[in-house]
C-alpha atoms as a PDB file:
ATOM      1  CA  MET A   1       0.011  -0.031  -0.034  1.00  0.00           C
ATOM      2  CA  SER A   2       2.758   2.324   0.768  1.00  0.00           C
ATOM      3  CA  ASN A   3       4.316   1.832  -2.679  1.00  0.00           C
ATOM      4  CA  LEU A   4       0.849   2.443  -4.360  1.00  0.00           C
ATOM      5  CA  GLN A   5       0.390   5.613  -2.366  1.00  0.00           C
ATOM      6  CA  ALA A   6       3.836   6.763  -3.293  1.00  0.00           C
ATOM      7  CA  GLU A   7       3.063   6.018  -7.017  1.00  0.00           C
ATOM      8  CA  VAL A   8      -0.258   8.079  -7.054  1.00  0.00           C
ATOM      9  CA  GLY A   9       1.213  10.702  -4.910  1.00  0.00           C
ATOM     10  CA  CYS A  10      -1.403  10.838  -2.182  1.00  0.00           C
ATOM     11  CA  ARG A  11      -2.813   9.059   0.815  1.00  0.00           C
ATOM     12  CA  LEU A  12      -5.674   6.515  -0.094  1.00  0.00           C
ATOM     13  CA  LEU A  13      -6.249   5.319   3.397  1.00  0.00           C
ATOM     14  CA  THR A  14      -6.626   6.958   6.766  1.00  0.00           C
ATOM     15  CA  ARG A  15      -6.584   5.493  10.226  1.00  0.00           C
ATOM     16  CA  MET A  16      -8.694   6.618  13.222  1.00  0.00           C
ATOM     17  CA  GLY A  17      -7.754   4.362  16.149  1.00  0.00           C
ATOM     18  CA  LYS A  18      -8.243   0.727  15.085  1.00  0.00           C
ATOM     19  CA  LYS A  19     -10.528   1.842  12.134  1.00  0.00           C
ATOM     20  CA  VAL A  20      -9.174   2.263   8.640  1.00  0.00           C
ATOM     21  CA  SER A  21     -11.186   3.980   5.823  1.00  0.00           C
ATOM     22  CA  LEU A  22     -10.724   5.356   2.338  1.00  0.00           C
ATOM     23  CA  THR A  23      -9.730   8.958   1.859  1.00  0.00           C
ATOM     24  CA  GLU A  24     -11.608  11.136  -0.767  1.00  0.00           C
ATOM     25  CA  GLU A  25      -8.857  10.411  -3.107  1.00  0.00           C
ATOM     26  CA  GLY A  26      -8.870   6.671  -2.173  1.00  0.00           C
ATOM     27  CA  GLU A  27     -12.749   6.569  -2.931  1.00  0.00           C
ATOM     28  CA  ALA A  28     -12.064   8.078  -6.379  1.00  0.00           C
ATOM     29  CA  PHE A  29      -9.222   5.603  -7.022  1.00  0.00           C
ATOM     30  CA  LEU A  30     -11.258   2.645  -6.096  1.00  0.00           C
ATOM     31  CA  HIS A  31     -14.204   3.659  -8.295  1.00  0.00           C
ATOM     32  CA  TYR A  32     -11.840   3.673 -11.417  1.00  0.00           C
ATOM     33  CA  VAL A  33     -10.204   0.559 -10.415  1.00  0.00           C
ATOM     34  CA  THR A  34     -13.514  -1.183 -10.081  1.00  0.00           C
ATOM     35  CA  LEU A  35     -14.488   0.033 -13.617  1.00  0.00           C
ATOM     36  CA  GLY A  36     -11.162  -1.400 -14.971  1.00  0.00           C
ATOM     37  CA  LEU A  37     -11.686  -4.771 -13.111  1.00  0.00           C
ATOM     38  CA  ASP A  38     -15.324  -4.988 -14.532  1.00  0.00           C
ATOM     39  CA  ALA A  39     -14.063  -4.348 -18.013  1.00  0.00           C
ATOM     40  CA  PHE A  40     -11.370  -6.952 -17.540  1.00  0.00           C
ATOM     41  CA  VAL A  41     -14.071  -9.621 -16.546  1.00  0.00           C
ATOM     42  CA  LYS A  42     -16.234  -8.621 -19.531  1.00  0.00           C
ATOM     43  CA  ALA A  43     -13.150  -9.056 -21.693  1.00  0.00           C
ATOM     44  CA  ARG A  44     -12.508 -12.542 -20.320  1.00  0.00           C
ATOM     45  CA  GLN A  45     -16.165 -13.436 -20.875  1.00  0.00           C
ATOM     46  CA  SER A  46     -15.963 -12.289 -24.382  1.00  0.00           C
ATOM     47  CA  ILE A  47     -12.784 -14.432 -25.168  1.00  0.00           C
ATOM     48  CA  GLU A  48     -14.414 -17.520 -23.606  1.00  0.00           C
ATOM     49  CA  GLU A  49     -17.386 -17.131 -25.779  1.00  0.00           C
ATOM     50  CA  LEU A  50     -15.452 -16.490 -28.889  1.00  0.00           C
ATOM     51  CA  LYS A  51     -12.864 -19.265 -28.302  1.00  0.00           C
ATOM     52  CA  GLN A  52     -15.016 -21.788 -29.970  1.00  0.00           C
ATOM     53  CA  TRP A  53     -14.074 -21.701 -33.747  1.00  0.00           C
ATOM     54  CA  GLY A  54     -16.545 -19.650 -35.840  1.00  0.00           C
ATOM     55  CA  THR A  55     -18.531 -18.253 -32.849  1.00  0.00           C
ATOM     56  CA  GLN A  56     -19.568 -14.627 -33.173  1.00  0.00           C
ATOM     57  CA  ARG A  57     -21.752 -12.370 -30.875  1.00  0.00           C
ATOM     58  CA  LEU A  58     -24.284  -9.607 -31.173  1.00  0.00           C
ATOM     59  CA  ARG A  59     -25.945  -7.817 -28.409  1.00  0.00           C
ATOM     60  CA  LEU A  60     -28.995  -5.665 -28.775  1.00  0.00           C
ATOM     61  CA  GLY A  61     -30.913  -3.393 -26.442  1.00  0.00           C
ATOM     62  CA  ALA A  62     -34.730  -2.805 -27.156  1.00  0.00           C
ATOM     63  CA  GLY A  63     -38.155  -2.903 -25.403  1.00  0.00           C
ATOM     64  CA  ALA A  64     -40.083  -6.131 -25.422  1.00  0.00           C
ATOM     65  CA  ALA A  65     -42.715  -4.903 -27.831  1.00  0.00           C
ATOM     66  CA  ILE A  66     -40.228  -3.807 -30.652  1.00  0.00           C
ATOM     67  CA  CYS A  67     -38.137  -7.149 -30.127  1.00  0.00           C
ATOM     68  CA  ARG A  68     -41.399  -9.028 -30.786  1.00  0.00           C
ATOM     69  CA  LEU A  69     -42.102  -7.051 -33.833  1.00  0.00           C
ATOM     70  CA  LEU A  70     -38.602  -6.722 -35.461  1.00  0.00           C
ATOM     71  CA  LEU A  71     -36.481  -9.779 -34.314  1.00  0.00           C
ATOM     72  CA  PRO A  72     -38.201 -12.845 -35.644  1.00  0.00           C
ATOM     73  CA  PRO A  73     -37.529 -12.125 -39.267  1.00  0.00           C
ATOM     74  CA  VAL A  74     -34.061 -10.617 -38.532  1.00  0.00           C
ATOM     75  CA  LEU A  75     -32.877 -13.354 -36.452  1.00  0.00           C
ATOM     76  CA  THR A  76     -34.096 -15.937 -39.011  1.00  0.00           C
ATOM     77  CA  ASP A  77     -31.916 -14.118 -41.523  1.00  0.00           C
ATOM     78  CA  MET A  78     -29.011 -13.858 -39.171  1.00  0.00           C
ATOM     79  CA  ARG A  79     -29.043 -17.515 -38.357  1.00  0.00           C
ATOM     80  CA  HIS A  80     -28.865 -18.488 -41.911  1.00  0.00           C
ATOM     81  CA  GLN A  81     -25.897 -16.267 -42.290  1.00  0.00           C
ATOM     82  CA  TYR A  82     -24.136 -17.024 -39.181  1.00  0.00           C
ATOM     83  CA  PRO A  83     -25.176 -20.377 -37.774  1.00  0.00           C
ATOM     84  CA  ARG A  84     -22.932 -20.016 -34.666  1.00  0.00           C
ATOM     85  CA  LEU A  85     -24.010 -16.674 -33.787  1.00  0.00           C
ATOM     86  CA  ILE A  86     -24.518 -15.883 -30.097  1.00  0.00           C
ATOM     87  CA  PHE A  87     -27.527 -13.336 -29.815  1.00  0.00           C
ATOM     88  CA  SER A  88     -28.547 -11.503 -26.683  1.00  0.00           C
ATOM     89  CA  ALA A  89     -31.248  -8.817 -26.132  1.00  0.00           C
ATOM     90  CA  ALA A  90     -31.615  -6.712 -23.071  1.00  0.00           C
ATOM     91  CA  VAL A  91     -34.314  -4.148 -22.026  1.00  0.00           C
ATOM     92  CA  VAL A  92     -32.721  -0.627 -22.118  1.00  0.00           C
ATOM     93  CA  HIS A  93     -34.369   2.456 -20.776  1.00  0.00           C
ATOM     94  CA  PRO A  94     -33.882   5.646 -22.797  1.00  0.00           C
ATOM     95  CA  TRP A  95     -31.658   7.115 -19.936  1.00  0.00           C
ATOM     96  CA  GLU A  96     -29.454   4.153 -20.099  1.00  0.00           C
ATOM     97  CA  MET A  97     -29.050   3.957 -23.780  1.00  0.00           C
ATOM     98  CA  ALA A  98     -25.798   6.212 -24.265  1.00  0.00           C
ATOM     99  CA  VAL A  99     -23.980   4.776 -21.183  1.00  0.00           C
ATOM    100  CA  THR A 100     -24.591   1.203 -22.490  1.00  0.00           C
ATOM    101  CA  LEU A 101     -23.355   1.923 -25.956  1.00  0.00           C
ATOM    102  CA  GLU A 102     -20.410   3.871 -24.814  1.00  0.00           C
ATOM    103  CA  LYS A 103     -19.091   1.156 -22.379  1.00  0.00           C
ATOM    104  CA  GLY A 104     -19.604  -1.371 -25.144  1.00  0.00           C
ATOM    105  CA  ASP A 105     -22.091  -3.411 -23.297  1.00  0.00           C
ATOM    106  CA  LEU A 106     -24.186  -3.445 -26.471  1.00  0.00           C
ATOM    107  CA  GLU A 107     -23.560  -3.265 -30.141  1.00  0.00           C
ATOM    108  CA  PHE A 108     -26.989  -1.733 -31.020  1.00  0.00           C
ATOM    109  CA  VAL A 109     -30.047  -0.144 -29.336  1.00  0.00           C
ATOM    110  CA  VAL A 110     -33.387   0.084 -31.075  1.00  0.00           C
ATOM    111  CA  GLY A 111     -34.973   3.423 -30.358  1.00  0.00           C
ATOM    112  CA  GLU A 112     -35.841   7.018 -31.569  1.00  0.00           C
ATOM    113  CA  PRO A 113     -33.275   9.545 -32.834  1.00  0.00           C
ATOM    114  CA  PRO A 114     -31.047  10.605 -30.126  1.00  0.00           C
ATOM    115  CA  HIS A 115     -31.525  14.160 -28.854  1.00  0.00           C
ATOM    116  CA  LYS A 116     -28.221  16.272 -28.562  1.00  0.00           C
ATOM    117  CA  LEU A 117     -25.996  13.156 -28.626  1.00  0.00           C
ATOM    118  CA  PRO A 118     -23.804  13.523 -31.680  1.00  0.00           C
ATOM    119  CA  GLN A 119     -21.521  10.708 -30.561  1.00  0.00           C
ATOM    120  CA  ILE A 120     -24.279   8.303 -31.220  1.00  0.00           C
ATOM    121  CA  GLU A 121     -24.984   6.984 -34.966  1.00  0.00           C
ATOM    122  CA  PHE A 122     -28.551   6.606 -35.976  1.00  0.00           C
ATOM    123  CA  THR A 123     -29.864   4.347 -38.771  1.00  0.00           C
ATOM    124  CA  HIS A 124     -33.448   5.098 -39.754  1.00  0.00           C
ATOM    125  CA  LEU A 125     -35.578   1.858 -39.875  1.00  0.00           C
ATOM    126  CA  PHE A 126     -39.351   3.168 -40.008  1.00  0.00           C
ATOM    127  CA  ASP A 127     -41.679   5.891 -39.135  1.00  0.00           C
ATOM    128  CA  SER A 128     -44.895   5.236 -37.259  1.00  0.00           C
ATOM    129  CA  PRO A 129     -48.069   7.302 -36.463  1.00  0.00           C
ATOM    130  CA  VAL A 130     -48.962   7.719 -32.933  1.00  0.00           C
ATOM    131  CA  ARG A 131     -52.788   7.757 -32.543  1.00  0.00           C
ATOM    132  CA  ILE A 132     -55.483   7.505 -29.884  1.00  0.00           C
ATOM    133  CA  VAL A 133     -56.443   4.005 -29.281  1.00  0.00           C
ATOM    134  CA  VAL A 134     -59.792   2.657 -27.675  1.00  0.00           C
ATOM    135  CA  SER A 135     -61.471  -0.632 -27.325  1.00  0.00           C
ATOM    136  CA  SER A 136     -63.768  -1.576 -30.191  1.00  0.00           C
ATOM    137  CA  CYS A 137     -66.757  -1.336 -28.047  1.00  0.00           C
ATOM    138  CA  HIS A 138     -65.922   2.189 -26.796  1.00  0.00           C
ATOM    139  CA  PRO A 139     -68.494   4.858 -27.686  1.00  0.00           C
ATOM    140  CA  TRP A 140     -65.905   6.638 -30.020  1.00  0.00           C
ATOM    141  CA  ALA A 141     -65.407   3.350 -31.977  1.00  0.00           C
ATOM    142  CA  VAL A 142     -69.065   2.713 -32.268  1.00  0.00           C
ATOM    143  CA  ARG A 143     -70.043   6.174 -33.768  1.00  0.00           C
ATOM    144  CA  GLY A 144     -66.715   6.362 -35.572  1.00  0.00           C
ATOM    145  CA  ARG A 145     -65.478   9.739 -34.197  1.00  0.00           C
ATOM    146  CA  MET A 146     -64.350  11.707 -31.231  1.00  0.00           C
ATOM    147  CA  SER A 147     -64.032  15.282 -30.324  1.00  0.00           C
ATOM    148  CA  LEU A 148     -61.229  17.083 -28.601  1.00  0.00           C
ATOM    149  CA  ASP A 149     -63.549  18.046 -25.646  1.00  0.00           C
ATOM    150  CA  GLU A 150     -64.134  14.536 -24.949  1.00  0.00           C
ATOM    151  CA  LEU A 151     -60.587  13.730 -25.314  1.00  0.00           C
ATOM    152  CA  ALA A 152     -59.614  15.918 -22.279  1.00  0.00           C
ATOM    153  CA  ARG A 153     -62.067  14.226 -20.052  1.00  0.00           C
ATOM    154  CA  GLU A 154     -61.621  10.638 -21.084  1.00  0.00           C
ATOM    155  CA  PRO A 155     -59.481   8.413 -18.646  1.00  0.00           C
ATOM    156  CA  CYS A 156     -56.233   7.855 -20.202  1.00  0.00           C
ATOM    157  CA  LEU A 157     -53.330   5.357 -19.759  1.00  0.00           C
ATOM    158  CA  LEU A 158     -49.881   6.760 -20.757  1.00  0.00           C
ATOM    159  CA  THR A 159     -46.179   5.411 -20.470  1.00  0.00           C
ATOM    160  CA  ASN A 160     -44.034   7.127 -17.848  1.00  0.00           C
ATOM    161  CA  LYS A 161     -42.526  10.548 -18.552  1.00  0.00           C
ATOM    162  CA  SER A 162     -38.999   9.339 -19.319  1.00  0.00           C
ATOM    163  CA  ASN A 163     -40.314   7.501 -22.282  1.00  0.00           C
ATOM    164  CA  PRO A 164     -39.607   9.184 -25.733  1.00  0.00           C
ATOM    165  CA  THR A 165     -43.216   8.325 -26.879  1.00  0.00           C
ATOM    166  CA  ARG A 166     -44.680  10.024 -23.848  1.00  0.00           C
ATOM    167  CA  ARG A 167     -42.460  13.129 -24.340  1.00  0.00           C
ATOM    168  CA  LEU A 168     -43.625  13.184 -27.925  1.00  0.00           C
ATOM    169  CA  ILE A 169     -47.252  13.158 -26.814  1.00  0.00           C
ATOM    170  CA  ASP A 170     -46.828  15.761 -24.211  1.00  0.00           C
ATOM    171  CA  ARG A 171     -45.304  18.272 -26.653  1.00  0.00           C
ATOM    172  CA  TYR A 172     -47.974  17.641 -29.090  1.00  0.00           C
ATOM    173  CA  PHE A 173     -50.846  18.431 -26.591  1.00  0.00           C
ATOM    174  CA  ALA A 174     -49.097  21.280 -25.052  1.00  0.00           C
ATOM    175  CA  VAL A 175     -49.397  23.098 -28.453  1.00  0.00           C
ATOM    176  CA  GLU A 176     -52.967  22.083 -28.665  1.00  0.00           C
ATOM    177  CA  LYS A 177     -53.400  23.339 -25.030  1.00  0.00           C
ATOM    178  CA  ILE A 178     -55.096  19.929 -24.010  1.00  0.00           C
ATOM    179  CA  ARG A 179     -54.499  18.487 -20.683  1.00  0.00           C
ATOM    180  CA  MET A 180     -55.093  14.660 -20.637  1.00  0.00           C
ATOM    181  CA  ASN A 181     -57.087  13.001 -17.935  1.00  0.00           C
ATOM    182  CA  GLN A 182     -54.221  10.387 -17.052  1.00  0.00           C
ATOM    183  CA  ILE A 183     -55.398   7.805 -14.599  1.00  0.00           C
ATOM    184  CA  ALA A 184     -52.217   5.668 -14.975  1.00  0.00           C
ATOM    185  CA  GLU A 185     -48.470   5.726 -15.932  1.00  0.00           C
ATOM    186  CA  ILE A 186     -47.318   2.341 -17.061  1.00  0.00           C
ATOM    187  CA  GLU A 187     -43.946   1.650 -18.613  1.00  0.00           C
ATOM    188  CA  SER A 188     -45.020  -1.370 -20.796  1.00  0.00           C
ATOM    189  CA  PHE A 189     -46.756  -0.787 -24.227  1.00  0.00           C
ATOM    190  CA  ASP A 190     -48.092  -4.321 -23.961  1.00  0.00           C
ATOM    191  CA  ALA A 191     -49.615  -3.714 -20.555  1.00  0.00           C
ATOM    192  CA  ILE A 192     -51.148  -0.452 -21.685  1.00  0.00           C
ATOM    193  CA  LYS A 193     -52.646  -2.296 -24.754  1.00  0.00           C
ATOM    194  CA  ALA A 194     -54.107  -5.069 -22.635  1.00  0.00           C
ATOM    195  CA  LEU A 195     -55.849  -2.443 -20.426  1.00  0.00           C
ATOM    196  CA  VAL A 196     -57.206  -0.671 -23.308  1.00  0.00           C
ATOM    197  CA  ILE A 197     -58.742  -3.764 -24.617  1.00  0.00           C
ATOM    198  CA  GLN A 198     -60.447  -4.412 -21.403  1.00  0.00           C
ATOM    199  CA  SER A 199     -62.083  -0.763 -21.582  1.00  0.00           C
ATOM    200  CA  ILE A 200     -60.152   0.416 -18.523  1.00  0.00           C
ATOM    201  CA  GLY A 201     -59.322   3.696 -20.575  1.00  0.00           C
ATOM    202  CA  MET A 202     -57.944   5.106 -23.755  1.00  0.00           C
ATOM    203  CA  SER A 203     -54.252   5.613 -24.741  1.00  0.00           C
ATOM    204  CA  MET A 204     -51.858   7.062 -27.230  1.00  0.00           C
ATOM    205  CA  LEU A 205     -49.732   4.341 -28.846  1.00  0.00           C
ATOM    206  CA  PRO A 206     -47.644   4.003 -32.094  1.00  0.00           C
ATOM    207  CA  ASP A 207     -49.363   1.912 -34.835  1.00  0.00           C
ATOM    208  CA  TRP A 208     -46.807  -0.683 -34.851  1.00  0.00           C
ATOM    209  CA  VAL A 209     -47.700  -1.568 -31.167  1.00  0.00           C
ATOM    210  CA  VAL A 210     -51.380  -2.457 -32.048  1.00  0.00           C
ATOM    211  CA  LYS A 211     -51.175  -3.357 -35.745  1.00  0.00           C
ATOM    212  CA  GLU A 212     -52.565  -6.729 -35.108  1.00  0.00           C
ATOM    213  CA  GLU A 213     -55.344  -5.609 -32.735  1.00  0.00           C
ATOM    214  CA  LEU A 214     -56.289  -2.929 -35.326  1.00  0.00           C
ATOM    215  CA  ALA A 215     -56.516  -5.405 -38.195  1.00  0.00           C
ATOM    216  CA  ALA A 216     -58.555  -7.821 -36.036  1.00  0.00           C
ATOM    217  CA  GLY A 217     -61.039  -5.098 -35.012  1.00  0.00           C
ATOM    218  CA  VAL A 218     -60.253  -5.601 -31.425  1.00  0.00           C
ATOM    219  CA  LEU A 219     -59.006  -1.776 -31.087  1.00  0.00           C
ATOM    220  CA  THR A 220     -59.899   1.358 -33.008  1.00  0.00           C
ATOM    221  CA  ALA A 221     -57.488   4.158 -33.722  1.00  0.00           C
ATOM    222  CA  PHE A 222     -58.240   8.011 -34.140  1.00  0.00           C
ATOM    223  CA  ALA A 223     -55.857  10.843 -35.258  1.00  0.00           C
ATOM    224  CA  PRO A 224     -55.183  12.901 -32.124  1.00  0.00           C
ATOM    225  CA  GLY A 225     -55.961  16.135 -34.057  1.00  0.00           C
ATOM    226  CA  ARG A 226     -55.478  18.034 -37.330  1.00  0.00           C
ATOM    227  CA  ARG A 227     -51.736  17.625 -37.090  1.00  0.00           C
ATOM    228  CA  ARG A 228     -50.087  14.106 -37.695  1.00  0.00           C
ATOM    229  CA  LEU A 229     -48.196  12.797 -34.676  1.00  0.00           C
ATOM    230  CA  THR A 230     -45.365  10.485 -36.122  1.00  0.00           C
ATOM    231  CA  GLN A 231     -42.370   8.883 -34.361  1.00  0.00           C
ATOM    232  CA  SER A 232     -39.192   7.708 -35.970  1.00  0.00           C
ATOM    233  CA  TRP A 233     -37.513   4.438 -34.883  1.00  0.00           C
ATOM    234  CA  GLY A 234     -34.013   3.110 -35.807  1.00  0.00           C
ATOM    235  CA  LEU A 235     -30.811   1.403 -34.792  1.00  0.00           C
ATOM    236  CA  LEU A 236     -28.424   3.375 -32.532  1.00  0.00           C
ATOM    237  CA  ARG A 237     -24.694   2.602 -32.107  1.00  0.00           C
ATOM    238  CA  TRP A 238     -21.615   4.330 -30.620  1.00  0.00           C
ATOM    239  CA  GLN A 239     -20.051   6.419 -33.469  1.00  0.00           C
ATOM    240  CA  GLY A 240     -16.557   5.682 -34.570  1.00  0.00           C
ATOM    241  CA  ARG A 241     -16.482   2.211 -33.103  1.00  0.00           C
ATOM    242  CA  PRO A 242     -15.420  -0.315 -35.651  1.00  0.00           C
ATOM    243  CA  MET A 243     -18.270  -2.277 -37.236  1.00  0.00           C
ATOM    244  CA  SER A 244     -17.828  -6.079 -37.588  1.00  0.00           C
ATOM    245  CA  SER A 245     -19.242  -8.180 -40.582  1.00  0.00           C
ATOM    246  CA  VAL A 246     -21.977  -9.395 -38.167  1.00  0.00           C
ATOM    247  CA  GLU A 247     -23.044  -5.898 -37.225  1.00  0.00           C
ATOM    248  CA  HIS A 248     -23.068  -4.749 -40.633  1.00  0.00           C
ATOM    249  CA  SER A 249     -25.330  -7.827 -41.784  1.00  0.00           C
ATOM    250  CA  PHE A 250     -27.731  -7.090 -38.777  1.00  0.00           C
ATOM    251  CA  ARG A 251     -28.154  -3.579 -39.762  1.00  0.00           C
ATOM    252  CA  LEU A 252     -28.985  -4.395 -43.425  1.00  0.00           C
ATOM    253  CA  SER A 253     -31.322  -7.244 -42.271  1.00  0.00           C
ATOM    254  CA  CYS A 254     -33.073  -4.752 -39.884  1.00  0.00           C
ATOM    255  CA  ILE A 255     -33.453  -2.298 -42.725  1.00  0.00           C
ATOM    256  CA  ALA A 256     -34.930  -4.881 -44.878  1.00  0.00           C
ATOM    257  CA  ALA A 257     -37.344  -6.224 -42.175  1.00  0.00           C
ATOM    258  CA  ALA A 258     -38.496  -2.637 -41.368  1.00  0.00           C
ATOM    259  CA  LYS A 259     -39.753  -2.245 -44.990  1.00  0.00           C
ATOM    260  CA  THR A 260     -42.584  -4.910 -44.199  1.00  0.00           C
ATOM    261  CA  LEU A 261     -43.789  -3.306 -41.034  1.00  0.00           C
END
């Protein structure tokens, strides 16, 4: 420890009686040493996974709903191209996106265009309208129309405020000067959809989330107003990081699959 303290040029530990504790400099030093050890462990894990001849890895961050929509055709295509591909998908919240990409925990994240993050590269996949969604037995669905006055009074289920879709909705209705009658804040698109089907309330959801239910007549969708509300979705990766052949193929496969959505 004396040699280490001499090398860094400051005290890392302090003693008070029999108790030894970290100094402020020691806490900062430990933080970065821990990050280095974590990176070393991940590097060892990566090497173990890739030691098998021909094995390649791809890690994706996305929500459950978009995974169910986009991944089946993409993974089918990727398995044909890379039979020994090790694929993993993790749920990544919007506020975690930049950190996970910068640390190299993930190769790609599926999400909306990054705001004020020039270090993140965005590949556009598709645009989706965001519309008011109600059960097919709701009075609006029965008569085939709704009014903005009714919209402000109707019980509404929305995603949490950190979700990019929610922020898009809030900005839209702020311009229209409409305050939604929110009765619940739910993170999952699928959970919101299930509650709307049960007539618990209305919601605002991207069309791709309710595509099957709209086609089956289980749900009915309305434009939120005279202005269209559209959200873009795509692949995000850390800019400047070398792209492997697997990552390049994955991006092309996602672009092809998005054309069918």
